[in-house]
């Protein structure tokens, strides 16, 4: 009977772990919306989807704040379960003892200067249990009644120390509640050798794994990607200045799929992308290389990835009254187009009668391989700057305008020369990093900075587990008019299919094969042959132990 009771108690404790920590996983199905909002705000879940609370603050015990978690904690942390923070009643075990709680490093805030934790689908539980590494992110423990530990040799070798447990509820010492645990070493035990004949352990454990937390977090993250990320990405190359429109947008070339922890996140052009006439999609990782480095978002940066192709630079006269025209762009560099232009006309009365319409062009390499905005204010000398995207991934900067000659009187003699000049400059900075890449938010030195809506996505590296696919007809320089089979489609089991889409994102989620870390084969990243065969067709099955891909559309 004792054995059956212990098993029943362990089962109930396991169920409690799911119910109790569900709130800390940001939202749980069925929890009222008001509670979800309160938990989101108190736990900082806007920045850290998946973050768990610290244990109860010891100073709160016996006060009106009893059950409220510490704001930060030295990890791994042990203490009483923060029942009030979790929005549950104070729970006790069969011995009348409050439940205890252990949380892993990387899953709760360690200090007030660490605003984000980097939790994503690749994050492991950092608690070892019974010698198994990364077995849990947290544990809830029923401590049972106090005991006198007199461990035998085997138990001493296993880490038990002699102790007569004496409990002081107002200032509890975990050693008087939990037996034989190496909290500092992040190594837990849920059982003890020889315990039947030499009782040294009476704790009951409910372990919470990373997979269990992420199974709750990932559907929410997919919704947040739709809400916070998609609006930014769908409009980057969707205006006339890029040679596109909102009705026929372009999307940057994907980065080749590879280990995200070492990827450059630079878009690439290949034989199959764009292969406009074939049913082959352009797929991989989001192209997120920036020209400036952001220490918080930890995105890859390369100051030379986007630069001027010197061989492409030209300056020509396209109109005006000038009869002679000369342009010298030899001073141009990979970081700035510089063209000195002069023009003239004879047989004039006023020099103001001479003018020239000029077009200066140059290709900014790799603009369509990453995310950029066009800052026309940085160019000088002419009037209008556009940058149509090319099939090579370059953006062809086209700077035009009319320049007038000086307005002085030429004189009374026929044949006086009227002239003018202008120096045109176009710095490579006209292709600024898109705000999505700069992602302003709190830093260790300024935790009060308000984050932009998508800051959480980059700072926690959710782009490491996000797949990106674009129809070839909507890659840079293409026609921008996919329809039917030339668009992307996603069948959704039990839901509405995504049809005729120009581009999609897929939250790949955690490895279902147990792979640790970010380095996964594509077949371990996406969970079906249909999702890895590059044929513009994807599928989303109901989430289960074999499938956890979640798709969102990047276009209407």
Foldseek 3Di string as FASTA:
>chain_A
DVVVVLVVQLVVQQVVCCLQQCVVLQHDPPDDPVSSVVLCVLQVCLQERQATFAACDLQCQPHPLQLQTDQAAAPQHKDFHSRVSSVHDQDADPQRHTKMKTFHPLRHHHDDLPSYRLDFQQDFQQAAEPNRGSFFGMKIKRQPDFDFADDDPQQVVLQFDTDRQDADRSRGDCCSRFTRQDRVVSYYYQDTPPCVPHPGGDMRMHGHTPVNSQVSRVVVVLVLCQVAPLVQQLCQAAVVLQPHHNLQAFHFQFFAAFQVVPGLLWHDDDPVFPPQVALFWRKHFHRQEALDDDVQLPHHYDVQQWWWDVVFKDKDWDDWDFPDKDKDQPPDDRFKTKIKIKTKDFQDFWLQRTKTKMKIKIWTPRLSRHGWAFQVVVKDFADDWGFHFASRNITIIIGIHMDGFDGHGQDDDGGRMRMHITMIMDGSCSGHHRVLNNFDAAGSVGNPGHTRSCNSCRSSVLSLLKMKIFQSCRGGRHVSDDDFSSAAKEAEVPDDIDGRAGMKMKRQGHFLVPDRHSGDDVCRSAQDPQCVVRRSYYYAYPDDSRHDIDMDGSGD
